Amino acid sequence: MDLPRDIILDVLTRLPVKSLSEICCISKTSLNIIDNPFFATLHTSRLLNSAVNSTTAGEVQLMLLAHSWSSRDDKFLTALQSLKYNDKNGLTKSRRCKTNILSRVGDYEVDFVFCNLICLQQKRALFKAPCLLINLLRGGEFLELPINDLIPPYARKLYGIGFDSITSTHKIVCVFKSVLDKYQKAYVYTLGTRSSSWREIHSVPQRELSRKNVSAYGDMHWLIYKDVDGRNPNRFISFDSKKDEFVWTPYPNSSQGFIRGLKVMHLLNLRGCLTIVSSGNLFIEIWVLKNYEKKEWALDYKIDNEMLPRGSPLKSIESCGELEHGIFFTDAYPLMFYFWDIRYKSIKYIRGDTLFPDMFSYDNLYYHLWGRRRWQPRLSIFSCTRGLISLKTYGNLVERRVCRWKFFEAAKTRTWDFD
């Protein structure tokens, strides 16, 4: 018996991405339905509006980001490698995806992660370099974001993303602060539009945004450095992608407070909910925003500092993200990766220097020479989730070129060097 198409779509949008990937192999009909951009939009909309522990939640993928100097290619090297984590083997390489990006100007930092999309921005660039939107979990897709000519090349820029469920569109927001007049402005670009223009957003809060951000409920959220009076803030900034405006989201009421400041705090998306991880003098608190509209927080988990290696509070939280059965966070002094298992209320840790030399294929990635000193690459870990979003829907993809010894230079279009 044939079911109506709308019922089939409703059933399929309730399934996780892993199940949908298996259904694609059944027939061409199922492949055409699931691979359609319209279905991907429906699935993304339901995923973002789902409750905790929703069956539509995507499979979490850990990614390792390394920065170094490739003496072989005489360029800055930004390397991405997918990882697997379990209690017995710790961190191991995954065969799912990896890529190396080479540049003569500077390396790349992750500006935001949205489902299976990763935004990379080139640092220390003195010219207007476009951001690179990549999708490694669907065979490796690379898309350049259009350059905003209204933003000075020397301005400090931060990018974010939101999903407007009313218009079913993805919006890129760029917040920048001019070095000269120290005034903060913001622009929005809608993915997939024929026009490459950015629209200016008015009434931008004049607070310096940090790189500690997360996308949740279809909106983008940033922790800020200081409030108006210069004290530690008790709120953070959110960008409402439906109204194209910035709003304030208050901190939860913590008994130990957030007196240690931004350095030991981070945001993450935990099973679809906006979450704050904060290290205090006694505990690491994990606060979950249960109701986004009413701004109702709940303290779901507490990690006693006695469970940490030195039995003392973390010195910093450089990165934070979701695991299949918990969360991870990173302390930079020294570089330590912590893995908190929600099921067993247990924590394990891995020293960053133990990940080399066999984590990447580059022989010279273990260190690079600067004068007479050897420097290990800078490492960080983040997580993304498998999704159905394909960058083919939003523009012409960047051609991937294997670059070993020769520097490629295109006459009319920019060329990215991948290895």
Protein backbone atom coordinates (compact mmCIF):
# COMPACT_ATOMS: atom_id res chain seq x y z
CA MET A 1 0.00 0.00 0.00
CA ASP A 2 1.41 3.37 -1.07
CA LEU A 3 1.44 6.07 1.57
CA PRO A 4 0.88 9.75 0.78
CA ARG A 5 4.11 11.66 0.23
CA ASP A 6 3.53 14.06 3.14
CA ILE A 7 3.21 11.12 5.56
CA ILE A 8 6.42 9.58 4.23
CA LEU A 9 8.24 12.88 4.68
CA ASP A 10 6.90 13.26 8.21
CA VAL A 11 8.13 9.78 9.15
CA LEU A 12 11.56 10.24 7.55
CA THR A 13 12.18 13.62 9.21
CA ARG A 14 11.84 11.92 12.61
CA LEU A 15 14.72 9.52 11.92
CA PRO A 16 18.38 10.14 12.80
CA VAL A 17 20.90 10.85 10.04
CA LYS A 18 22.54 7.45 10.45
CA SER A 19 19.27 5.66 9.71
CA LEU A 20 18.56 7.95 6.76
CA SER A 21 21.99 7.13 5.30
CA GLU A 22 21.10 3.44 5.39
CA ILE A 23 17.67 4.06 3.84
CA CYS A 24 19.34 5.87 0.93
CA CYS A 25 20.86 2.54 -0.13
CA ILE A 26 17.49 0.80 -0.47
CA SER A 27 16.28 2.37 -3.71
CA LYS A 28 16.70 5.32 -6.04
CA THR A 29 13.35 6.65 -4.86
CA SER A 30 14.46 6.84 -1.22
CA LEU A 31 17.79 8.34 -2.30
CA ASN A 32 16.05 11.07 -4.32
CA ILE A 33 13.78 11.94 -1.38
CA ILE A 34 16.51 12.13 1.28
CA ASP A 35 19.10 13.81 -0.96
CA ASN A 36 16.66 16.57 -1.91
CA PRO A 37 17.55 20.02 -0.44
CA PHE A 38 13.91 20.51 0.56
CA PHE A 39 14.02 17.37 2.72
CA ALA A 40 17.35 18.43 4.25
CA THR A 41 15.74 21.73 5.27
CA LEU A 42 12.75 19.94 6.84
CA HIS A 43 15.03 17.59 8.75
CA THR A 44 17.25 20.43 9.97
CA SER A 45 14.22 22.42 11.13
CA ARG A 46 12.88 19.48 13.13
CA LEU A 47 16.33 18.75 14.52
CA LEU A 48 16.75 22.30 15.84
CA ASN A 49 13.27 22.34 17.35
CA SER A 50 13.57 18.90 18.94
CA ALA A 51 13.51 18.24 22.65
CA VAL A 52 16.32 16.68 24.64
CA ASN A 53 17.26 13.11 23.64
CA SER A 54 15.36 13.45 20.37
CA THR A 55 15.74 10.55 17.97
CA THR A 56 16.61 12.97 15.18
CA ALA A 57 19.84 14.00 16.89
CA GLY A 58 22.84 13.50 14.64
CA GLU A 59 25.80 11.27 15.31
CA VAL A 60 28.58 13.20 17.06
CA GLN A 61 31.94 13.39 15.28
CA LEU A 62 35.09 14.52 17.07
CA MET A 63 37.56 16.59 15.06
CA LEU A 64 41.19 17.45 15.84
CA LEU A 65 42.51 20.79 14.55
CA ALA A 66 46.26 21.32 14.30
CA HIS A 67 48.25 24.39 13.23
CA SER A 68 51.86 24.20 12.16
CA TRP A 69 54.35 25.27 9.52
CA SER A 70 55.00 22.88 6.65
CA SER A 71 58.70 23.18 5.88
CA ARG A 72 58.22 20.80 2.97
CA ASP A 73 55.67 23.07 1.25
CA ASP A 74 56.95 26.33 2.78
CA LYS A 75 53.43 27.30 3.90
CA PHE A 76 51.22 27.53 6.93
CA LEU A 77 49.43 24.25 7.52
CA THR A 78 45.94 23.82 8.99
CA ALA A 79 45.11 20.13 9.41
CA LEU A 80 41.77 18.54 10.29
CA GLN A 81 41.49 14.91 11.34
CA SER A 82 38.38 13.00 12.47
CA LEU A 83 38.77 11.12 15.76
CA LYS A 84 37.12 8.31 17.69
CA TYR A 85 36.98 8.18 21.47
CA ASN A 86 36.18 5.33 23.83
CA ASP A 87 37.03 4.51 27.42
CA LYS A 88 39.50 1.73 26.57
CA ASN A 89 41.52 3.12 23.65
CA GLY A 90 41.17 6.84 24.30
CA LEU A 91 41.56 8.95 21.15
CA THR A 92 42.29 7.22 17.85
CA LYS A 93 42.19 8.35 14.25
CA SER A 94 39.00 7.80 12.27
CA ARG A 95 39.01 7.03 8.57
CA ARG A 96 35.91 9.11 8.01
CA CYS A 97 37.54 12.39 6.96
CA LYS A 98 40.74 14.41 7.00
CA THR A 99 42.08 17.40 5.11
CA ASN A 100 45.10 19.68 5.13
CA ILE A 101 44.87 23.32 4.01
CA LEU A 102 48.02 25.12 2.96
CA SER A 103 48.43 28.89 2.84
CA ARG A 104 51.30 31.35 2.42
CA VAL A 105 49.55 34.05 4.48
CA GLY A 106 48.38 32.39 7.70
CA ASP A 107 46.60 29.45 9.25
CA TYR A 108 42.88 29.06 9.88
CA GLU A 109 40.73 29.04 13.01
CA VAL A 110 37.27 27.55 13.48
CA ASP A 111 34.75 30.38 13.79
CA PHE A 112 31.64 28.26 14.23
CA VAL A 113 30.23 24.76 13.86
CA PHE A 114 26.65 24.12 12.75
CA CYS A 115 25.59 20.48 12.41
CA ASN A 116 27.96 19.18 9.71
CA LEU A 117 29.19 22.62 8.60
CA ILE A 118 32.49 24.13 9.78
CA CYS A 119 33.49 27.74 9.15
CA LEU A 120 37.22 28.50 8.90
CA GLN A 121 38.57 32.06 8.97
CA GLN A 122 42.11 32.94 8.01
CA LYS A 123 44.05 34.72 10.75
CA ARG A 124 46.72 37.39 10.47
CA ALA A 125 45.58 38.18 6.92
CA LEU A 126 46.23 41.78 5.88
CA PHE A 127 43.91 41.51 2.88
CA LYS A 128 40.24 40.64 2.48
CA ALA A 129 40.37 36.86 2.50
CA PRO A 130 37.05 34.99 2.25
CA CYS A 131 35.92 32.56 4.91
CA LEU A 132 35.79 28.92 3.96
CA LEU A 133 32.67 26.91 4.75
CA ILE A 134 33.45 23.20 4.68
CA ASN A 135 31.45 20.00 4.97
CA LEU A 136 33.82 17.10 5.57
CA LEU A 137 31.11 14.62 6.52
CA ARG A 138 29.54 14.53 3.04
CA GLY A 139 32.59 13.65 1.00
CA GLY A 140 34.36 16.98 1.48
CA GLU A 141 32.58 20.09 0.18
CA PHE A 142 34.20 23.55 0.26
CA LEU A 143 32.39 26.85 -0.30
CA GLU A 144 33.73 30.42 -0.13
CA LEU A 145 31.58 32.99 1.61
CA PRO A 146 31.30 36.27 -0.34
CA ILE A 147 33.63 39.06 0.77
CA ASN A 148 32.00 42.04 2.44
CA ASP A 149 33.69 45.12 0.96
CA LEU A 150 32.25 47.30 3.73
CA ILE A 151 34.43 45.62 6.36
CA PRO A 152 38.03 46.89 6.63
CA PRO A 153 40.64 44.13 6.13
CA TYR A 154 42.28 44.95 9.50
CA ALA A 155 39.03 44.65 11.49
CA ARG A 156 38.57 41.85 14.02
CA LYS A 157 35.79 39.67 12.60
CA LEU A 158 33.68 36.94 14.18
CA TYR A 159 31.26 34.80 12.21
CA GLY A 160 28.18 32.86 13.29
CA ILE A 161 25.25 31.04 11.75
CA GLY A 162 21.54 30.73 12.39
CA PHE A 163 18.58 28.93 10.88
CA ASP A 164 15.42 30.93 10.23
CA SER A 165 12.60 28.40 10.57
CA ILE A 166 10.07 30.91 9.20
CA THR A 167 11.80 31.33 5.83
CA SER A 168 13.73 28.00 6.04
CA THR A 169 17.03 29.73 5.32
CA HIS A 170 20.50 29.64 6.81
CA LYS A 171 21.93 33.03 7.74
CA ILE A 172 25.58 33.93 8.25
CA VAL A 173 26.17 36.81 10.66
CA CYS A 174 29.47 38.69 10.76
CA VAL A 175 30.31 40.93 13.72
CA PHE A 176 33.38 43.11 13.43
CA LYS A 177 35.09 45.75 15.50
CA SER A 178 37.10 48.43 13.77
CA VAL A 179 40.57 48.93 15.20
CA LEU A 180 40.45 52.66 14.43
CA ASP A 181 37.13 53.84 15.91
CA LYS A 182 36.54 50.72 18.10
CA TYR A 183 32.90 50.66 17.02
CA GLN A 184 31.15 47.32 16.54
CA LYS A 185 28.94 46.58 13.54
CA ALA A 186 27.22 43.49 12.14
CA TYR A 187 26.11 42.19 8.75
CA VAL A 188 23.96 39.23 7.67
CA TYR A 189 24.21 37.11 4.53
CA THR A 190 21.59 34.52 3.54
CA LEU A 191 23.08 31.34 2.11
CA GLY A 192 21.83 30.39 -1.34
CA THR A 193 20.68 33.84 -2.43
CA ARG A 194 21.69 35.04 -5.88
CA SER A 195 22.90 38.30 -4.46
CA SER A 196 26.25 38.22 -2.67
CA SER A 197 25.44 41.32 -0.66
CA TRP A 198 25.55 41.58 3.11
CA ARG A 199 22.76 43.42 4.96
CA GLU A 200 23.72 45.64 7.89
CA ILE A 201 22.13 44.92 11.28
CA HIS A 202 21.43 47.94 13.46
CA SER A 203 21.44 48.21 17.26
CA VAL A 204 24.49 46.03 17.76
CA PRO A 205 25.45 45.74 21.48
CA GLN A 206 28.80 47.44 22.04
CA ARG A 207 30.34 44.54 23.96
CA GLU A 208 33.41 42.67 22.84
CA LEU A 209 32.44 39.17 21.78
CA SER A 210 34.68 36.23 22.57
CA ARG A 211 35.47 33.25 20.34
CA LYS A 212 33.56 31.04 22.77
CA ASN A 213 30.33 30.56 20.88
CA VAL A 214 27.77 27.93 19.97
CA SER A 215 24.77 27.50 17.72
CA ALA A 216 21.60 26.29 19.47
CA TYR A 217 17.85 26.58 18.81
CA GLY A 218 18.66 28.00 15.39
CA ASP A 219 20.37 31.06 16.93
CA MET A 220 24.02 31.98 17.56
CA HIS A 221 25.34 32.72 21.06
CA TRP A 222 28.60 34.36 22.25
CA LEU A 223 30.14 34.84 25.67
CA ILE A 224 31.42 38.40 26.19
CA TYR A 225 34.56 39.67 27.92
CA LYS A 226 33.26 42.52 30.11
CA ASP A 227 29.98 44.21 30.86
CA VAL A 228 29.30 47.97 30.91
CA ASP A 229 30.90 48.61 34.28
CA GLY A 230 33.97 46.50 33.46
CA ARG A 231 32.99 43.69 35.81
CA ASN A 232 32.44 40.04 34.91
CA PRO A 233 29.16 39.82 32.97
CA ASN A 234 26.06 37.95 34.12
CA ARG A 235 24.67 37.50 30.60
CA PHE A 236 25.75 36.71 27.04
CA ILE A 237 24.75 37.85 23.57
CA SER A 238 22.46 35.87 21.26
CA PHE A 239 21.57 36.57 17.64
CA ASP A 240 17.92 35.90 16.83
CA SER A 241 18.02 34.64 13.24
CA LYS A 242 14.26 35.05 12.77
CA LYS A 243 14.17 38.73 13.73
CA ASP A 244 17.74 39.56 12.64
CA GLU A 245 18.49 41.22 15.96
CA PHE A 246 20.74 40.78 18.99
CA VAL A 247 19.25 39.90 22.37
CA TRP A 248 20.62 39.25 25.85
CA THR A 249 20.45 35.85 27.55
CA PRO A 250 21.00 35.82 31.34
CA TYR A 251 23.34 33.46 33.18
CA PRO A 252 21.82 30.86 35.52
CA ASN A 253 21.78 31.51 39.28
CA SER A 254 24.81 29.55 40.44
CA SER A 255 25.56 29.16 44.16
CA GLN A 256 29.32 29.31 43.50
CA GLY A 257 28.86 32.09 40.94
CA PHE A 258 30.89 32.83 37.83
CA ILE A 259 33.52 34.90 39.62
CA ARG A 260 36.43 33.22 37.85
CA GLY A 261 35.27 34.77 34.59
CA LEU A 262 35.31 33.96 30.91
CA LYS A 263 38.60 32.05 31.01
CA VAL A 264 37.03 29.05 32.75
CA MET A 265 33.65 29.11 30.97
CA HIS A 266 32.39 27.78 27.67
CA LEU A 267 29.17 27.25 25.71
CA LEU A 268 28.12 24.04 24.00
CA ASN A 269 25.12 22.40 22.41
CA LEU A 270 24.17 19.34 24.49
CA ARG A 271 21.48 17.21 22.86
CA GLY A 272 19.98 20.26 21.22
CA CYS A 273 20.02 22.45 24.36
CA LEU A 274 22.17 25.49 25.04
CA THR A 275 24.58 24.61 27.86
CA ILE A 276 27.12 26.49 30.00
CA VAL A 277 30.17 24.74 31.45
CA SER A 278 31.83 26.69 34.25
CA SER A 279 34.75 25.78 36.49
CA GLY A 280 34.42 27.04 40.06
CA ASN A 281 36.49 26.70 43.20
CA LEU A 282 34.71 23.49 44.22
CA PHE A 283 32.93 22.07 41.18
CA ILE A 284 32.65 22.15 37.42
CA GLU A 285 28.99 23.01 36.85
CA ILE A 286 27.05 22.07 33.73
CA TRP A 287 23.94 24.23 33.32
CA VAL A 288 21.34 23.38 30.65
CA LEU A 289 18.79 25.87 29.30
CA LYS A 290 15.59 23.81 29.52
CA ASN A 291 13.25 26.49 28.17
CA TYR A 292 14.72 28.90 25.62
CA GLU A 293 11.72 31.22 25.51
CA LYS A 294 11.40 31.57 29.31
CA LYS A 295 15.19 31.37 29.90
CA GLU A 296 14.85 28.60 32.49
CA TRP A 297 18.15 26.98 33.51
CA ALA A 298 18.76 23.71 35.36
CA LEU A 299 21.97 22.43 36.96
CA ASP A 300 22.07 18.96 35.38
CA TYR A 301 25.60 17.89 36.38
CA LYS A 302 28.37 18.75 38.85
CA ILE A 303 31.93 17.46 38.61
CA ASP A 304 33.92 17.57 41.83
CA ASN A 305 37.35 19.14 41.36
CA GLU A 306 38.78 16.22 43.37
CA MET A 307 38.19 14.06 40.28
CA LEU A 308 40.69 16.14 38.29
CA PRO A 309 44.37 15.08 38.13
CA ARG A 310 45.64 17.68 40.61
CA GLY A 311 42.42 17.92 42.58
CA SER A 312 42.30 21.66 41.86
CA PRO A 313 40.11 23.83 39.60
CA LEU A 314 40.80 24.07 35.89
CA LYS A 315 43.05 26.92 34.81
CA SER A 316 41.10 27.42 31.61
CA ILE A 317 38.44 25.92 29.34
CA GLU A 318 39.74 26.47 25.82
CA SER A 319 37.23 24.28 24.00
CA CYS A 320 34.16 22.26 24.87
CA GLY A 321 31.79 19.98 23.01
CA GLU A 322 29.43 17.04 23.02
CA LEU A 323 30.32 13.35 23.06
CA GLU A 324 28.11 10.36 22.38
CA HIS A 325 27.69 9.77 26.12
CA GLY A 326 28.90 13.00 27.67
CA ILE A 327 31.02 16.06 27.02
CA PHE A 328 34.69 16.97 26.59
CA PHE A 329 36.61 20.10 27.56
CA THR A 330 40.18 21.28 27.20
CA ASP A 331 42.61 22.89 29.65
CA ALA A 332 45.57 24.65 28.07
CA TYR A 333 48.01 24.79 31.03
CA PRO A 334 49.26 22.16 30.24
CA LEU A 335 47.21 20.95 27.26
CA MET A 336 44.81 18.33 28.64
CA PHE A 337 41.70 16.82 27.07
CA TYR A 338 39.03 15.78 29.59
CA PHE A 339 36.18 13.39 28.80
CA TRP A 340 33.17 13.33 31.14
CA ASP A 341 30.90 10.25 30.88
CA ILE A 342 27.37 11.18 31.93
CA ARG A 343 26.31 7.54 32.34
CA TYR A 344 28.91 6.59 34.95
CA LYS A 345 29.70 10.09 36.32
CA SER A 346 33.36 9.40 35.53
CA ILE A 347 36.08 11.52 33.98
CA LYS A 348 39.19 10.60 32.02
CA TYR A 349 41.92 12.76 30.57
CA ILE A 350 44.60 12.66 27.86
CA ARG A 351 47.69 14.84 27.64
CA GLY A 352 47.94 16.72 24.36
CA ASP A 353 51.60 15.85 23.77
CA THR A 354 50.75 12.13 23.70
CA LEU A 355 48.79 12.51 20.43
CA PHE A 356 51.95 12.80 18.35
CA PRO A 357 53.77 11.79 16.25
CA ASP A 358 51.32 9.36 14.57
CA MET A 359 48.10 11.41 14.56
CA PHE A 360 48.71 12.95 11.12
CA SER A 361 50.27 11.69 7.93
CA TYR A 362 52.71 14.61 7.60
CA ASP A 363 56.17 13.57 8.72
CA ASN A 364 57.15 17.13 9.60
CA LEU A 365 53.95 17.95 11.49
CA TYR A 366 55.36 16.71 14.80
CA TYR A 367 57.37 19.91 15.11
CA HIS A 368 58.54 22.85 13.03
CA LEU A 369 61.76 24.75 13.33
CA TRP A 370 61.89 28.38 14.42
CA GLY A 371 65.45 29.46 14.87
CA ARG A 372 67.01 26.67 16.89
CA ARG A 373 63.90 25.73 18.83
CA ARG A 374 61.37 23.03 18.10
CA TRP A 375 57.72 23.91 18.42
CA GLN A 376 54.90 21.41 18.55
CA PRO A 377 51.76 22.24 16.54
CA ARG A 378 48.89 24.00 18.28
CA LEU A 379 46.09 21.52 18.94
CA SER A 380 42.40 21.83 19.70
CA ILE A 381 39.40 19.51 19.59
CA PHE A 382 35.83 20.31 18.59
CA SER A 383 32.78 18.25 17.67
CA CYS A 384 30.20 18.36 14.92
CA THR A 385 27.21 16.22 14.07
CA ARG A 386 26.30 14.33 10.94
CA GLY A 387 23.70 16.22 8.96
CA LEU A 388 22.00 16.30 5.59
CA ILE A 389 23.04 19.85 4.68
CA SER A 390 24.90 19.96 1.37
CA LEU A 391 26.87 23.03 0.31
CA LYS A 392 26.07 22.26 -3.33
CA THR A 393 22.72 23.88 -2.68
CA TYR A 394 24.26 27.26 -1.83
CA GLY A 395 26.75 27.97 -4.60
CA ASN A 396 29.64 26.75 -6.69
CA LEU A 397 32.01 24.64 -4.66
CA VAL A 398 35.72 25.39 -4.51
CA GLU A 399 37.83 23.04 -6.55
CA ARG A 400 40.06 20.85 -4.43
CA ARG A 401 43.61 20.52 -5.69
CA VAL A 402 46.27 18.26 -4.33
CA CYS A 403 49.30 20.37 -3.51
CA ARG A 404 52.55 18.57 -2.75
CA TRP A 405 55.50 20.64 -3.86
CA LYS A 406 54.07 23.19 -6.26
CA PHE A 407 52.11 26.33 -5.39
CA PHE A 408 48.94 26.62 -7.49
CA GLU A 409 47.79 30.06 -8.54
CA ALA A 410 44.62 30.68 -10.53
CA ALA A 411 44.30 33.55 -12.97
CA LYS A 412 40.64 34.42 -12.44
CA THR A 413 39.50 32.59 -9.32
CA ARG A 414 41.07 31.98 -5.97
CA THR A 415 42.64 28.55 -5.48
CA TRP A 416 42.70 26.73 -2.19
CA ASP A 417 45.56 24.32 -1.66
CA PHE A 418 44.47 21.05 -0.14
CA ASP A 419 46.48 17.98 0.62
